[in-house]
Every structure is written in C-alpha cells, then in structure tokens.
Amino acid sequence: MTVVSVDKNAEALSLTVVAEFDADVQRVWKIWEDPRQLERWWGPPTVPATFETHDFTPGGEAAYYMTVPDGTKAHGWWQFTTINAPDHLEFDYGFADEQGIPLHEHGAAHATVKLEPVGNRTLMTMSTRFDSEEQLQKMLDMGMEEGLRQAIGQVDALLAEPANA
C-alpha cells in the first residue's frame, strides 16, 4: 500500500500523510515538478486536476482546477515558498475563484513535502498546517483525508512510467 499512515493532529493543527513509493527520490520529485505529471495524480481519480499555470520556483504560483463528475470546476491556488530539489518543497494553498484569485472563506494552509530515500524506494511525508482547528475540521469534513489517500494511490502507476512520459 502506498499510503503508510495518516495523522490528524488537532493540537498541532496539522494533517500528515506518509507514503512510500517504489522509485528513487529524483523520480518522485518529478511528480511535483512537472505539471503534466502532477495533474495525473493531484485529486481523486473521479476529480482530475488541470494545472493552468505552474511556476515551480520559490515565490512562483500555480493555478489549477479540479473537475467533479457533474462538470463543475473547483479552482485552487498554490504559492511556492521553498523549493530545495530534489527532496524538500513547501507551498501555501487554498481555494480560488475562476480567475485564480484566492477565496478567503476556507482560509489558506501551508504544505511541507519531504522526500527521503529508503534503499531504492522513497518515503514521502506531506504535512499540511492549518490556521485553526475549525479550518482543519472543515477540510476533513470536506473529505480531504480520503481525497489525499485516493490521489496518492494513483502515484504508483505514474511512477511505473518513464519520467518523461
């Protein structure tokens, strides 16, 4: 199983997902760096993501939308705060309107992604920190934990392909 653990910590205002992949750190980094690969796994299989922009540099931004089965598009934004290839990435993120302008009703969150070699495999720890316990609970109520499990569950098939596929 790809997802090793999920830890919800109301005191730390965090949700941490740990996953292990059958690929080296450089290959796993590509699924974050390359927007065409990112959109093949970011989001549950029935809610695919489309990245309209992806400026993968510190201070750069990404804009995307996820298409739900009825055709509705849910927009989101990322702002990259730290990029230390090939093993450390941090970004702020949240919901956006159709023009990519951040919406404030759900607040923003901060994600930290760390990749560590485990032999020829990679351990990925993705930790999201929220502004409040209410925000964390709201995201869990919206299905964030299951959505992340389903999204990350798609990564193994992607990693089985060549990095430039």
C-alpha atoms as a PDB file:
ATOM      1  CA  MET A   1       0.000   0.000   0.000  1.00  0.00           C
ATOM      2  CA  THR A   2       1.330   3.378  -0.976  1.00  0.00           C
ATOM      3  CA  VAL A   3      -0.057   5.392   1.945  1.00  0.00           C
ATOM      4  CA  VAL A   4       1.748   4.265   5.087  1.00  0.00           C
ATOM      5  CA  SER A   5      -0.042   6.484   7.606  1.00  0.00           C
ATOM      6  CA  VAL A   6      -2.313   9.483   8.082  1.00  0.00           C
ATOM      7  CA  ASP A   7      -2.072  11.545  11.254  1.00  0.00           C
ATOM      8  CA  LYS A   8      -4.635  14.188  12.169  1.00  0.00           C
ATOM      9  CA  ASN A   9      -3.364  16.368  14.999  1.00  0.00           C
ATOM     10  CA  ALA A  10      -5.823  18.986  16.248  1.00  0.00           C
ATOM     11  CA  GLU A  11      -3.301  20.336  18.769  1.00  0.00           C
ATOM     12  CA  ALA A  12      -0.648  20.887  16.072  1.00  0.00           C
ATOM     13  CA  LEU A  13      -3.358  21.960  13.560  1.00  0.00           C
ATOM     14  CA  SER A  14      -1.923  19.501  11.061  1.00  0.00           C
ATOM     15  CA  LEU A  15      -2.722  16.628   8.762  1.00  0.00           C
ATOM     16  CA  THR A  16       0.269  14.489   7.807  1.00  0.00           C
ATOM     17  CA  VAL A  17       0.270  11.790   5.148  1.00  0.00           C
ATOM     18  CA  VAL A  18       3.238   9.440   4.797  1.00  0.00           C
ATOM     19  CA  ALA A  19       3.577   7.345   1.659  1.00  0.00           C
ATOM     20  CA  GLU A  20       6.272   5.079   0.279  1.00  0.00           C
ATOM     21  CA  PHE A  21       6.977   4.654  -3.411  1.00  0.00           C
ATOM     22  CA  ASP A  22       8.921   2.138  -5.456  1.00  0.00           C
ATOM     23  CA  ALA A  23      11.101   4.800  -7.109  1.00  0.00           C
ATOM     24  CA  ASP A  24      14.091   6.918  -6.177  1.00  0.00           C
ATOM     25  CA  VAL A  25      13.816  10.464  -4.780  1.00  0.00           C
ATOM     26  CA  GLN A  26      14.636  12.141  -8.116  1.00  0.00           C
ATOM     27  CA  ARG A  27      11.822  10.271  -9.870  1.00  0.00           C
ATOM     28  CA  VAL A  28       9.296  11.128  -7.134  1.00  0.00           C
ATOM     29  CA  TRP A  29      10.385  14.787  -7.282  1.00  0.00           C
ATOM     30  CA  LYS A  30       9.294  14.827 -10.949  1.00  0.00           C
ATOM     31  CA  ILE A  31       5.658  14.229  -9.986  1.00  0.00           C
ATOM     32  CA  TRP A  32       5.715  17.594  -8.176  1.00  0.00           C
ATOM     33  CA  GLU A  33       7.948  19.447 -10.626  1.00  0.00           C
ATOM     34  CA  ASP A  34       6.206  18.515 -13.887  1.00  0.00           C
ATOM     35  CA  PRO A  35       2.631  19.896 -14.075  1.00  0.00           C
ATOM     36  CA  ARG A  36       1.564  17.257 -16.625  1.00  0.00           C
ATOM     37  CA  GLN A  37       2.558  14.527 -14.152  1.00  0.00           C
ATOM     38  CA  LEU A  38       1.150  16.431 -11.178  1.00  0.00           C
ATOM     39  CA  GLU A  39      -2.280  16.680 -12.752  1.00  0.00           C
ATOM     40  CA  ARG A  40      -2.340  12.915 -13.284  1.00  0.00           C
ATOM     41  CA  TRP A  41      -2.443  12.303  -9.542  1.00  0.00           C
ATOM     42  CA  TRP A  42      -3.401  15.523  -7.702  1.00  0.00           C
ATOM     43  CA  GLY A  43      -7.015  14.833  -6.812  1.00  0.00           C
ATOM     44  CA  PRO A  44      -9.080  11.668  -6.548  1.00  0.00           C
ATOM     45  CA  PRO A  45      -9.458   9.621  -9.777  1.00  0.00           C
ATOM     46  CA  THR A  46     -13.020  10.911 -10.326  1.00  0.00           C
ATOM     47  CA  VAL A  47     -11.963  14.550  -9.763  1.00  0.00           C
ATOM     48  CA  PRO A  48      -8.984  15.147 -12.068  1.00  0.00           C
ATOM     49  CA  ALA A  49      -6.856  18.259 -11.775  1.00  0.00           C
ATOM     50  CA  THR A  50      -5.790  20.549 -14.594  1.00  0.00           C
ATOM     51  CA  PHE A  51      -2.896  22.921 -13.905  1.00  0.00           C
ATOM     52  CA  GLU A  52      -3.283  26.128 -15.897  1.00  0.00           C
ATOM     53  CA  THR A  53      -0.034  27.605 -14.550  1.00  0.00           C
ATOM     54  CA  HIS A  54       2.817  26.058 -12.586  1.00  0.00           C
ATOM     55  CA  ASP A  55       5.768  28.360 -11.907  1.00  0.00           C
ATOM     56  CA  PHE A  56       7.857  25.884  -9.904  1.00  0.00           C
ATOM     57  CA  THR A  57      10.245  28.413  -8.381  1.00  0.00           C
ATOM     58  CA  PRO A  58      10.416  29.959  -4.889  1.00  0.00           C
ATOM     59  CA  GLY A  59       7.751  32.690  -4.918  1.00  0.00           C
ATOM     60  CA  GLY A  60       6.170  31.155  -8.027  1.00  0.00           C
ATOM     61  CA  GLU A  61       2.499  30.338  -8.225  1.00  0.00           C
ATOM     62  CA  ALA A  62       0.334  27.569  -9.595  1.00  0.00           C
ATOM     63  CA  ALA A  63      -3.316  27.808 -10.610  1.00  0.00           C
ATOM     64  CA  TYR A  64      -5.438  24.749 -11.205  1.00  0.00           C
ATOM     65  CA  TYR A  65      -8.947  23.430 -11.181  1.00  0.00           C
ATOM     66  CA  MET A  66     -10.433  20.066 -10.353  1.00  0.00           C
ATOM     67  CA  THR A  67     -13.351  18.839 -12.435  1.00  0.00           C
ATOM     68  CA  VAL A  68     -16.020  16.994 -10.457  1.00  0.00           C
ATOM     69  CA  PRO A  69     -18.179  14.353 -12.214  1.00  0.00           C
ATOM     70  CA  ASP A  70     -21.044  16.809 -12.902  1.00  0.00           C
ATOM     71  CA  GLY A  71     -18.604  19.079 -14.782  1.00  0.00           C
ATOM     72  CA  THR A  72     -18.287  21.698 -12.044  1.00  0.00           C
ATOM     73  CA  LYS A  73     -14.783  23.106 -11.681  1.00  0.00           C
ATOM     74  CA  ALA A  74     -13.290  23.790  -8.245  1.00  0.00           C
ATOM     75  CA  HIS A  75     -10.344  26.187  -8.544  1.00  0.00           C
ATOM     76  CA  GLY A  76      -7.268  26.335  -6.347  1.00  0.00           C
ATOM     77  CA  TRP A  77      -4.002  28.216  -5.989  1.00  0.00           C
ATOM     78  CA  TRP A  78      -0.537  27.426  -4.698  1.00  0.00           C
ATOM     79  CA  GLN A  79       2.342  29.752  -3.892  1.00  0.00           C
ATOM     80  CA  PHE A  80       5.701  28.013  -3.625  1.00  0.00           C
ATOM     81  CA  THR A  81       7.652  29.239  -0.611  1.00  0.00           C
ATOM     82  CA  THR A  82      10.557  26.759  -0.540  1.00  0.00           C
ATOM     83  CA  ILE A  83      11.933  24.532  -3.279  1.00  0.00           C
ATOM     84  CA  ASN A  84      15.071  22.558  -2.496  1.00  0.00           C
ATOM     85  CA  ALA A  85      15.335  19.975  -5.253  1.00  0.00           C
ATOM     86  CA  PRO A  86      15.074  17.071  -5.091  1.00  0.00           C
ATOM     87  CA  ASP A  87      13.746  16.486  -1.616  1.00  0.00           C
ATOM     88  CA  HIS A  88      12.024  19.483   0.024  1.00  0.00           C
ATOM     89  CA  LEU A  89       9.072  21.561  -1.112  1.00  0.00           C
ATOM     90  CA  GLU A  90       6.777  23.973   0.720  1.00  0.00           C
ATOM     91  CA  PHE A  91       3.807  25.917  -0.520  1.00  0.00           C
ATOM     92  CA  ASP A  92       0.778  27.846   0.669  1.00  0.00           C
ATOM     93  CA  TYR A  93      -2.512  26.877  -0.896  1.00  0.00           C
ATOM     94  CA  GLY A  94      -6.231  27.378  -0.880  1.00  0.00           C
ATOM     95  CA  PHE A  95      -9.390  27.685  -2.918  1.00  0.00           C
ATOM     96  CA  ALA A  96      -9.723  30.297  -5.674  1.00  0.00           C
ATOM     97  CA  ASP A  97     -12.357  31.801  -7.927  1.00  0.00           C
ATOM     98  CA  GLU A  98     -12.477  31.141 -11.685  1.00  0.00           C
ATOM     99  CA  GLN A  99      -9.816  33.809 -12.285  1.00  0.00           C
ATOM    100  CA  GLY A 100      -7.473  32.164  -9.769  1.00  0.00           C
ATOM    101  CA  ILE A 101      -7.963  34.833  -7.122  1.00  0.00           C
ATOM    102  CA  PRO A 102      -7.738  33.294  -3.613  1.00  0.00           C
ATOM    103  CA  LEU A 103     -11.024  32.905  -1.763  1.00  0.00           C
ATOM    104  CA  HIS A 104     -10.827  33.564   1.952  1.00  0.00           C
ATOM    105  CA  GLU A 105     -13.885  31.669   3.205  1.00  0.00           C
ATOM    106  CA  HIS A 106     -11.874  28.475   3.844  1.00  0.00           C
ATOM    107  CA  GLY A 107      -8.571  30.188   4.660  1.00  0.00           C
ATOM    108  CA  ALA A 108      -5.155  29.110   3.405  1.00  0.00           C
ATOM    109  CA  ALA A 109      -2.958  26.234   4.504  1.00  0.00           C
ATOM    110  CA  HIS A 110       0.768  25.535   4.348  1.00  0.00           C
ATOM    111  CA  ALA A 111       2.099  22.237   2.985  1.00  0.00           C
ATOM    112  CA  THR A 112       5.553  20.784   3.524  1.00  0.00           C
ATOM    113  CA  VAL A 113       6.700  17.854   1.392  1.00  0.00           C
ATOM    114  CA  LYS A 114       9.837  15.907   2.248  1.00  0.00           C
ATOM    115  CA  LEU A 115      11.275  13.033   0.236  1.00  0.00           C
ATOM    116  CA  GLU A 116      13.698  10.607   1.863  1.00  0.00           C
ATOM    117  CA  PRO A 117      15.497   7.643   0.320  1.00  0.00           C
ATOM    118  CA  VAL A 118      14.758   4.246   1.812  1.00  0.00           C
ATOM    119  CA  GLY A 119      17.052   1.944  -0.131  1.00  0.00           C
ATOM    120  CA  ASN A 120      15.876   2.248  -3.736  1.00  0.00           C
ATOM    121  CA  ARG A 121      12.468   3.486  -2.570  1.00  0.00           C
ATOM    122  CA  THR A 122      11.245   6.915  -1.406  1.00  0.00           C
ATOM    123  CA  LEU A 123       9.380   7.877   1.722  1.00  0.00           C
ATOM    124  CA  MET A 124       7.232  10.987   1.136  1.00  0.00           C
ATOM    125  CA  THR A 125       5.928  12.955   4.105  1.00  0.00           C
ATOM    126  CA  MET A 126       3.357  15.608   3.243  1.00  0.00           C
ATOM    127  CA  SER A 127       2.293  17.686   6.201  1.00  0.00           C
ATOM    128  CA  THR A 128      -0.337  20.408   5.982  1.00  0.00           C
ATOM    129  CA  ARG A 129      -0.621  23.024   8.694  1.00  0.00           C
ATOM    130  CA  PHE A 130      -3.879  24.906   9.114  1.00  0.00           C
ATOM    131  CA  ASP A 131      -4.613  28.270  10.718  1.00  0.00           C
ATOM    132  CA  SER A 132      -7.172  26.914  13.173  1.00  0.00           C
ATOM    133  CA  GLU A 133      -8.782  23.750  14.487  1.00  0.00           C
ATOM    134  CA  GLU A 134     -12.015  24.854  12.807  1.00  0.00           C
ATOM    135  CA  GLN A 135     -10.259  25.070   9.417  1.00  0.00           C
ATOM    136  CA  LEU A 136      -8.677  21.628   9.899  1.00  0.00           C
ATOM    137  CA  GLN A 137     -12.054  20.117  10.800  1.00  0.00           C
ATOM    138  CA  LYS A 138     -13.759  21.840   7.868  1.00  0.00           C
ATOM    139  CA  MET A 139     -11.206  20.355   5.442  1.00  0.00           C
ATOM    140  CA  LEU A 140     -11.631  16.907   6.986  1.00  0.00           C
ATOM    141  CA  ASP A 141     -15.429  17.269   6.713  1.00  0.00           C
ATOM    142  CA  MET A 142     -14.988  18.135   3.029  1.00  0.00           C
ATOM    143  CA  GLY A 143     -13.149  14.825   2.502  1.00  0.00           C
ATOM    144  CA  MET A 144      -9.530  15.974   2.424  1.00  0.00           C
ATOM    145  CA  GLU A 145      -8.147  12.844   4.102  1.00  0.00           C
ATOM    146  CA  GLU A 146      -9.882  10.407   1.754  1.00  0.00           C
ATOM    147  CA  GLY A 147      -9.139  12.646  -1.224  1.00  0.00           C
ATOM    148  CA  LEU A 148      -5.433  12.631  -0.424  1.00  0.00           C
ATOM    149  CA  ARG A 149      -5.445   8.853   0.046  1.00  0.00           C
ATOM    150  CA  GLN A 150      -7.097   8.386  -3.347  1.00  0.00           C
ATOM    151  CA  ALA A 151      -4.841  10.936  -5.029  1.00  0.00           C
ATOM    152  CA  ILE A 152      -1.624   9.448  -3.670  1.00  0.00           C
ATOM    153  CA  GLY A 153      -2.928   5.990  -4.528  1.00  0.00           C
ATOM    154  CA  GLN A 154      -2.521   6.932  -8.211  1.00  0.00           C
ATOM    155  CA  VAL A 155       1.183   7.721  -7.935  1.00  0.00           C
ATOM    156  CA  ASP A 156       2.498   4.146  -8.209  1.00  0.00           C
ATOM    157  CA  ALA A 157       1.075   3.738 -11.725  1.00  0.00           C
ATOM    158  CA  LEU A 158       2.569   7.078 -12.752  1.00  0.00           C
ATOM    159  CA  LEU A 159       5.979   6.156 -11.348  1.00  0.00           C
ATOM    160  CA  ALA A 160       5.968   2.904 -13.307  1.00  0.00           C
ATOM    161  CA  GLU A 161       6.192   5.005 -16.493  1.00  0.00           C
ATOM    162  CA  PRO A 162       9.366   6.739 -17.731  1.00  0.00           C
ATOM    163  CA  ALA A 163       9.897  10.141 -16.029  1.00  0.00           C
ATOM    164  CA  ASN A 164       9.294  11.997 -19.315  1.00  0.00           C
ATOM    165  CA  ALA A 165       6.125  10.110 -20.323  1.00  0.00           C
END
